[in-house]
Amino acid sequence: MNINEAAEGILKAVLECFQKRYLDRELDDSEFVRCSRALIEGALPFLEANRETGAEPELVRKALYDGCRSWWTAQAAAVQEKDAAGDGEALPEGDDGYLEHYFDYLYQRGTYPD
């Protein structure tokens, strides 16, 4: 295991704790995304200040962000499908990319889109 894999592994383990809290409904969408961002962005200064470790901060950030975003959008899509099935309704057409946009918006701004 190289240092990039070790750094990602540690941070992913903490993100899994946030994921569990989200699934247990202890965190809502914005809280989950803000906590995840704090962890991801908080690790970067350490990685940048300790370049001798060989870890590439941007690679670690991208891997964590992409993984977190993919996990959250999959969970949100599953909830939407379950809710629609329970209501006997079909999911609206044309929402492709909305969940990704929603996650990105929360990540960048820390609040729900208008």
Protein backbone atom coordinates (compact mmCIF):
# COMPACT_ATOMS: atom_id res chain seq x y z
CA MET A 1 0.00 0.00 0.00
CA ASN A 2 1.38 3.39 -0.94
CA ILE A 3 0.86 6.64 0.97
CA ASN A 4 -1.96 7.84 -1.32
CA GLU A 5 -3.88 4.64 -0.66
CA ALA A 6 -3.24 4.88 3.08
CA ALA A 7 -4.38 8.51 3.27
CA GLU A 8 -7.48 7.76 1.20
CA GLY A 9 -8.22 4.67 3.29
CA ILE A 10 -8.14 6.57 6.57
CA LEU A 11 -10.31 9.38 5.27
CA LYS A 12 -12.75 6.93 3.66
CA ALA A 13 -13.12 5.15 7.00
CA VAL A 14 -14.20 8.42 8.60
CA LEU A 15 -16.54 9.17 5.67
CA GLU A 16 -18.13 5.76 6.26
CA CYS A 17 -18.98 6.94 9.79
CA PHE A 18 -20.74 9.96 8.28
CA GLN A 19 -22.52 7.66 5.82
CA LYS A 20 -23.81 5.49 8.67
CA ARG A 21 -25.09 8.57 10.51
CA TYR A 22 -26.78 9.75 7.30
CA LEU A 23 -28.45 6.37 6.77
CA ASP A 24 -29.58 6.41 10.41
CA ARG A 25 -31.07 9.85 9.68
CA GLU A 26 -28.84 11.56 12.23
CA LEU A 27 -27.62 13.88 9.45
CA ASP A 28 -29.68 15.49 6.72
CA ASP A 29 -28.38 16.17 3.20
CA SER A 30 -26.70 19.48 3.96
CA GLU A 31 -25.16 18.26 7.23
CA PHE A 32 -23.77 15.15 5.54
CA VAL A 33 -22.26 17.12 2.68
CA ARG A 34 -20.84 19.84 4.98
CA CYS A 35 -19.24 17.23 7.28
CA SER A 36 -17.81 15.39 4.30
CA ARG A 37 -16.42 18.60 2.86
CA ALA A 38 -14.82 19.54 6.19
CA LEU A 39 -13.07 16.18 6.30
CA ILE A 40 -11.96 16.23 2.66
CA GLU A 41 -10.84 19.87 2.58
CA GLY A 42 -9.39 19.67 6.10
CA ALA A 43 -6.97 16.92 5.07
CA LEU A 44 -5.49 18.94 2.21
CA PRO A 45 -3.36 21.38 4.25
CA PHE A 46 -1.72 18.48 6.06
CA LEU A 47 -1.02 16.63 2.83
CA GLU A 48 0.32 19.78 1.18
CA ALA A 49 2.54 20.61 4.16
CA ASN A 50 3.94 17.08 4.21
CA ARG A 51 4.73 16.47 0.56
CA GLU A 52 7.62 14.24 1.60
CA THR A 53 5.02 11.57 2.33
CA GLY A 54 4.53 11.29 -1.41
CA ALA A 55 0.78 11.81 -1.18
CA GLU A 56 -0.68 13.96 -3.92
CA PRO A 57 -3.27 16.19 -2.20
CA GLU A 58 -5.32 16.83 -5.33
CA LEU A 59 -5.51 13.12 -6.19
CA VAL A 60 -6.64 12.30 -2.65
CA ARG A 61 -9.20 15.15 -2.70
CA LYS A 62 -10.61 14.08 -6.06
CA ALA A 63 -10.85 10.41 -5.09
CA LEU A 64 -12.65 11.25 -1.84
CA TYR A 65 -14.95 13.82 -3.41
CA ASP A 66 -15.91 11.55 -6.30
CA GLY A 67 -16.48 8.59 -3.99
CA CYS A 68 -18.56 10.63 -1.55
CA ARG A 69 -20.62 12.18 -4.35
CA SER A 70 -21.25 8.81 -6.01
CA TRP A 71 -22.30 7.20 -2.73
CA TRP A 72 -24.62 10.06 -1.77
CA THR A 73 -26.29 10.33 -5.19
CA ALA A 74 -26.92 6.57 -5.21
CA GLN A 75 -28.51 6.78 -1.75
CA ALA A 76 -30.62 9.79 -2.70
CA ALA A 77 -31.81 8.09 -5.91
CA ALA A 78 -32.78 4.97 -3.95
CA VAL A 79 -34.78 7.08 -1.48
CA GLN A 80 -36.55 8.87 -4.34
CA GLU A 81 -37.44 5.55 -5.99
CA LYS A 82 -38.70 4.10 -2.70
CA ASP A 83 -40.80 7.19 -1.97
CA ALA A 84 -42.26 7.21 -5.48
CA ALA A 85 -43.09 3.49 -5.28
CA GLY A 86 -44.75 3.98 -1.89
CA ASP A 87 -46.87 6.80 -3.29
CA GLY A 88 -47.66 4.80 -6.43
CA GLU A 89 -46.12 7.51 -8.58
CA ALA A 90 -43.50 7.38 -11.29
CA LEU A 91 -40.31 9.35 -10.91
CA PRO A 92 -40.38 12.60 -12.90
CA GLU A 93 -38.71 12.47 -16.29
CA GLY A 94 -35.77 14.73 -17.10
CA ASP A 95 -34.10 14.83 -13.69
CA ASP A 96 -30.85 13.44 -15.07
CA GLY A 97 -27.96 15.12 -13.33
CA TYR A 98 -30.04 16.92 -10.71
CA LEU A 99 -28.71 14.92 -7.77
CA GLU A 100 -25.14 15.55 -8.87
CA HIS A 101 -25.91 19.27 -9.22
CA TYR A 102 -27.59 19.25 -5.80
CA PHE A 103 -24.58 17.58 -4.16
CA ASP A 104 -22.15 19.98 -5.88
CA TYR A 105 -24.22 22.98 -4.82
CA LEU A 106 -24.33 21.82 -1.20
CA TYR A 107 -20.60 21.06 -1.27
CA GLN A 108 -19.65 24.43 -2.71
CA ARG A 109 -22.12 26.66 -0.86
CA GLY A 110 -23.09 24.70 2.24
CA THR A 111 -26.78 25.40 1.78
CA TYR A 112 -29.75 24.15 -0.23
CA PRO A 113 -30.20 25.46 -3.79
CA ASP A 114 -32.78 28.20 -4.25
